[in-house]
C-alpha atoms as a PDB file:
ATOM      1  CA  MET A   1      36.124  -8.786 -79.952  1.00  0.00           C
ATOM      2  CA  VAL A   2      35.920 -12.046 -81.829  1.00  0.00           C
ATOM      3  CA  SER A   3      38.091 -14.987 -81.080  1.00  0.00           C
ATOM      4  CA  LEU A   4      38.170 -18.358 -82.521  1.00  0.00           C
ATOM      5  CA  LYS A   5      39.881 -21.344 -80.640  1.00  0.00           C
ATOM      6  CA  LEU A   6      40.014 -25.040 -80.073  1.00  0.00           C
ATOM      7  CA  ALA A   7      37.272 -25.967 -77.737  1.00  0.00           C
ATOM      8  CA  THR A   8      39.408 -27.659 -74.865  1.00  0.00           C
ATOM      9  CA  THR A   9      37.029 -27.481 -71.896  1.00  0.00           C
ATOM     10  CA  GLU A  10      33.692 -29.021 -71.465  1.00  0.00           C
ATOM     11  CA  THR A  11      32.004 -25.576 -71.225  1.00  0.00           C
ATOM     12  CA  GLU A  12      33.599 -24.701 -74.709  1.00  0.00           C
ATOM     13  CA  ARG A  13      32.378 -27.923 -76.157  1.00  0.00           C
ATOM     14  CA  GLU A  14      28.930 -27.259 -74.779  1.00  0.00           C
ATOM     15  CA  ASP A  15      29.024 -23.793 -76.283  1.00  0.00           C
ATOM     16  CA  ALA A  16      29.814 -25.250 -79.637  1.00  0.00           C
ATOM     17  CA  PHE A  17      26.961 -27.824 -79.343  1.00  0.00           C
ATOM     18  CA  ALA A  18      24.554 -24.774 -78.484  1.00  0.00           C
ATOM     19  CA  VAL A  19      25.633 -22.969 -81.714  1.00  0.00           C
ATOM     20  CA  ARG A  20      25.124 -26.022 -83.721  1.00  0.00           C
ATOM     21  CA  LYS A  21      21.656 -26.503 -82.078  1.00  0.00           C
ATOM     22  CA  ALA A  22      20.741 -22.964 -82.857  1.00  0.00           C
ATOM     23  CA  VAL A  23      21.719 -23.198 -86.591  1.00  0.00           C
ATOM     24  CA  PHE A  24      21.035 -26.881 -87.561  1.00  0.00           C
ATOM     25  CA  VAL A  25      18.262 -27.914 -85.272  1.00  0.00           C
ATOM     26  CA  GLU A  26      16.320 -24.646 -84.738  1.00  0.00           C
ATOM     27  CA  GLU A  27      16.981 -22.864 -87.947  1.00  0.00           C
ATOM     28  CA  GLN A  28      17.322 -25.741 -90.346  1.00  0.00           C
ATOM     29  CA  GLY A  29      15.027 -28.272 -88.698  1.00  0.00           C
ATOM     30  CA  VAL A  30      17.588 -31.117 -88.462  1.00  0.00           C
ATOM     31  CA  PRO A  31      16.467 -33.512 -85.860  1.00  0.00           C
ATOM     32  CA  ILE A  32      18.591 -33.210 -82.578  1.00  0.00           C
ATOM     33  CA  HIS A  33      19.559 -36.923 -82.669  1.00  0.00           C
ATOM     34  CA  ILE A  34      21.131 -36.360 -86.081  1.00  0.00           C
ATOM     35  CA  GLU A  35      22.874 -33.172 -85.226  1.00  0.00           C
ATOM     36  CA  LEU A  36      24.402 -34.194 -81.968  1.00  0.00           C
ATOM     37  CA  ASP A  37      25.937 -37.799 -82.688  1.00  0.00           C
ATOM     38  CA  ASP A  38      28.295 -40.426 -81.313  1.00  0.00           C
ATOM     39  CA  LEU A  39      31.170 -38.927 -83.499  1.00  0.00           C
ATOM     40  CA  ASP A  40      31.200 -35.913 -81.343  1.00  0.00           C
ATOM     41  CA  GLU A  41      33.250 -37.979 -78.855  1.00  0.00           C
ATOM     42  CA  GLU A  42      36.008 -38.535 -81.372  1.00  0.00           C
ATOM     43  CA  ALA A  43      35.914 -35.247 -83.085  1.00  0.00           C
ATOM     44  CA  VAL A  44      38.113 -32.061 -82.288  1.00  0.00           C
ATOM     45  CA  HIS A  45      35.801 -29.161 -81.776  1.00  0.00           C
ATOM     46  CA  PHE A  46      36.246 -25.357 -82.432  1.00  0.00           C
ATOM     47  CA  ILE A  47      34.392 -22.422 -81.230  1.00  0.00           C
ATOM     48  CA  ALA A  48      34.373 -18.757 -81.983  1.00  0.00           C
ATOM     49  CA  TYR A  49      33.237 -16.161 -79.376  1.00  0.00           C
ATOM     50  CA  ASP A  50      32.048 -12.595 -79.616  1.00  0.00           C
ATOM     51  CA  GLU A  51      33.385 -11.513 -76.088  1.00  0.00           C
ATOM     52  CA  GLU A  52      31.709 -14.295 -74.096  1.00  0.00           C
ATOM     53  CA  ARG A  53      28.985 -15.012 -76.576  1.00  0.00           C
ATOM     54  CA  PRO A  54      29.577 -18.403 -78.695  1.00  0.00           C
ATOM     55  CA  ILE A  55      28.865 -17.532 -82.305  1.00  0.00           C
ATOM     56  CA  ALA A  56      30.390 -20.194 -84.531  1.00  0.00           C
ATOM     57  CA  ALA A  57      31.446 -23.645 -84.413  1.00  0.00           C
ATOM     58  CA  GLY A  58      32.909 -26.604 -86.263  1.00  0.00           C
ATOM     59  CA  ARG A  59      34.414 -29.987 -85.901  1.00  0.00           C
ATOM     60  CA  ILE A  60      37.156 -32.282 -87.581  1.00  0.00           C
ATOM     61  CA  ARG A  61      37.679 -35.886 -87.501  1.00  0.00           C
ATOM     62  CA  ASP A  62      40.614 -38.029 -88.719  1.00  0.00           C
ATOM     63  CA  ILE A  63      38.817 -40.440 -90.932  1.00  0.00           C
ATOM     64  CA  GLY A  64      42.042 -42.414 -92.101  1.00  0.00           C
ATOM     65  CA  ASP A  65      44.317 -42.427 -95.125  1.00  0.00           C
ATOM     66  CA  ASP A  66      45.508 -39.058 -94.074  1.00  0.00           C
ATOM     67  CA  VAL A  67      42.059 -37.466 -94.592  1.00  0.00           C
ATOM     68  CA  GLY A  68      40.308 -35.217 -92.316  1.00  0.00           C
ATOM     69  CA  LYS A  69      36.500 -34.841 -92.163  1.00  0.00           C
ATOM     70  CA  VAL A  70      35.325 -31.319 -91.412  1.00  0.00           C
ATOM     71  CA  GLU A  71      31.837 -31.292 -90.103  1.00  0.00           C
ATOM     72  CA  ARG A  72      29.043 -29.004 -88.489  1.00  0.00           C
ATOM     73  CA  VAL A  73      30.644 -25.742 -89.384  1.00  0.00           C
ATOM     74  CA  CYS A  74      27.998 -23.077 -88.789  1.00  0.00           C
ATOM     75  CA  VAL A  75      27.730 -19.370 -87.766  1.00  0.00           C
ATOM     76  CA  LEU A  76      24.731 -17.710 -86.154  1.00  0.00           C
ATOM     77  CA  PRO A  77      22.555 -15.802 -88.315  1.00  0.00           C
ATOM     78  CA  GLU A  78      23.339 -12.414 -87.185  1.00  0.00           C
ATOM     79  CA  TYR A  79      27.165 -13.025 -87.499  1.00  0.00           C
ATOM     80  CA  ARG A  80      27.003 -14.114 -91.158  1.00  0.00           C
ATOM     81  CA  GLY A  81      28.800 -12.114 -93.797  1.00  0.00           C
ATOM     82  CA  ARG A  82      31.789 -11.380 -91.527  1.00  0.00           C
ATOM     83  CA  HIS A  83      34.021 -14.046 -92.907  1.00  0.00           C
ATOM     84  CA  LEU A  84      33.772 -16.094 -89.619  1.00  0.00           C
ATOM     85  CA  GLY A  85      33.201 -19.254 -91.626  1.00  0.00           C
ATOM     86  CA  GLN A  86      36.337 -18.796 -93.569  1.00  0.00           C
ATOM     87  CA  GLN A  87      38.294 -18.108 -90.512  1.00  0.00           C
ATOM     88  CA  MET A  88      36.880 -21.361 -88.962  1.00  0.00           C
ATOM     89  CA  MET A  89      37.885 -23.191 -92.007  1.00  0.00           C
ATOM     90  CA  VAL A  90      41.535 -21.755 -91.814  1.00  0.00           C
ATOM     91  CA  LEU A  91      41.663 -23.024 -88.036  1.00  0.00           C
ATOM     92  CA  LEU A  92      40.396 -26.384 -89.012  1.00  0.00           C
ATOM     93  CA  GLU A  93      42.726 -26.713 -91.835  1.00  0.00           C
ATOM     94  CA  GLU A  94      45.707 -25.567 -89.539  1.00  0.00           C
ATOM     95  CA  HIS A  95      44.680 -28.099 -87.145  1.00  0.00           C
ATOM     96  CA  ALA A  96      44.676 -30.835 -89.915  1.00  0.00           C
ATOM     97  CA  ARG A  97      48.144 -29.970 -91.189  1.00  0.00           C
ATOM     98  CA  LYS A  98      49.535 -30.122 -87.677  1.00  0.00           C
ATOM     99  CA  ALA A  99      48.043 -33.414 -87.284  1.00  0.00           C
ATOM    100  CA  GLY A 100      49.677 -34.668 -90.476  1.00  0.00           C
ATOM    101  CA  LEU A 101      46.598 -34.873 -92.671  1.00  0.00           C
ATOM    102  CA  CYS A 102      47.012 -34.166 -96.481  1.00  0.00           C
ATOM    103  CA  LYS A 103      43.246 -33.749 -97.444  1.00  0.00           C
ATOM    104  CA  ILE A 104      40.104 -32.383 -96.024  1.00  0.00           C
ATOM    105  CA  ARG A 105      36.741 -33.834 -97.017  1.00  0.00           C
ATOM    106  CA  LEU A 106      33.337 -32.347 -96.085  1.00  0.00           C
ATOM    107  CA  ASN A 107      29.716 -32.669 -96.966  1.00  0.00           C
ATOM    108  CA  ALA A 108      28.598 -29.179 -98.065  1.00  0.00           C
ATOM    109  CA  GLN A 109      24.959 -28.112 -98.054  1.00  0.00           C
ATOM    110  CA  ASN A 110      24.094 -27.078-101.662  1.00  0.00           C
ATOM    111  CA  HIS A 111      23.902 -23.345-100.764  1.00  0.00           C
ATOM    112  CA  ALA A 112      27.404 -23.418 -99.102  1.00  0.00           C
ATOM    113  CA  VAL A 113      29.180 -24.964-102.251  1.00  0.00           C
ATOM    114  CA  PRO A 114      30.047 -21.500-103.694  1.00  0.00           C
ATOM    115  CA  PHE A 115      31.647 -20.659-100.302  1.00  0.00           C
ATOM    116  CA  TYR A 116      33.817 -23.853-100.214  1.00  0.00           C
ATOM    117  CA  GLU A 117      34.858 -23.345-103.803  1.00  0.00           C
ATOM    118  CA  LYS A 118      36.094 -19.857-102.996  1.00  0.00           C
ATOM    119  CA  ILE A 119      38.493 -21.212-100.326  1.00  0.00           C
ATOM    120  CA  GLY A 120      39.756 -24.046-102.654  1.00  0.00           C
ATOM    121  CA  TYR A 121      37.353 -26.887-102.324  1.00  0.00           C
ATOM    122  CA  ALA A 122      36.129 -29.032-105.257  1.00  0.00           C
ATOM    123  CA  VAL A 123      32.913 -31.029-105.627  1.00  0.00           C
ATOM    124  CA  THR A 124      33.638 -34.732-105.795  1.00  0.00           C
ATOM    125  CA  SER A 125      30.261 -36.149-105.767  1.00  0.00           C
ATOM    126  CA  PRO A 126      26.689 -36.095-107.231  1.00  0.00           C
ATOM    127  CA  GLU A 127      23.868 -34.231-104.965  1.00  0.00           C
ATOM    128  CA  PHE A 128      22.745 -36.481-101.975  1.00  0.00           C
ATOM    129  CA  MET A 129      20.248 -35.990 -99.275  1.00  0.00           C
ATOM    130  CA  ASP A 130      21.298 -35.806 -95.571  1.00  0.00           C
ATOM    131  CA  ALA A 131      18.629 -35.058 -92.981  1.00  0.00           C
ATOM    132  CA  GLY A 132      16.396 -33.757 -95.671  1.00  0.00           C
ATOM    133  CA  ILE A 133      18.858 -31.218 -96.981  1.00  0.00           C
ATOM    134  CA  PRO A 134      20.758 -31.528-100.362  1.00  0.00           C
ATOM    135  CA  HIS A 135      24.505 -31.909 -99.965  1.00  0.00           C
ATOM    136  CA  ARG A 136      27.692 -32.408-102.204  1.00  0.00           C
ATOM    137  CA  VAL A 137      30.971 -34.055-101.086  1.00  0.00           C
ATOM    138  CA  MET A 138      33.853 -31.702-101.556  1.00  0.00           C
ATOM    139  CA  GLU A 139      37.617 -32.048-100.984  1.00  0.00           C
ATOM    140  CA  LYS A 140      40.849 -30.065-100.727  1.00  0.00           C
ATOM    141  CA  THR A 141      44.579 -31.070-100.667  1.00  0.00           C
ATOM    142  CA  ILE A 142      46.164 -29.229 -97.966  1.00  0.00           C
END
């Protein structure tokens, strides 16, 4: 039974960090000091579980001007293709709406651009490198 939720306890936050480490640090080679940053303190974190196992994560920050910045959305490899990323984005967008935000911005890895386009995001920047990985800024009015 898969469940997605706001990470409200320290354990849930640590579970979200563990999923991020598995995907971004171990799988993609992002240095740990870049992946886990000072912005984790101000961000609102979300976590998905399969029973008790943490399997997906994401975070959002209010960056001003009624804009939310979605970051660190990831799903463990063996759970990809089950629409968990889309479910995580729905949860993040619902949180943003309730917080009074009007727009979501994110930096998508190039391979993820089609995923975000399918759920209403549009590319708003040229390609740029972040942690050695090509990205594009994308936005959606919510």
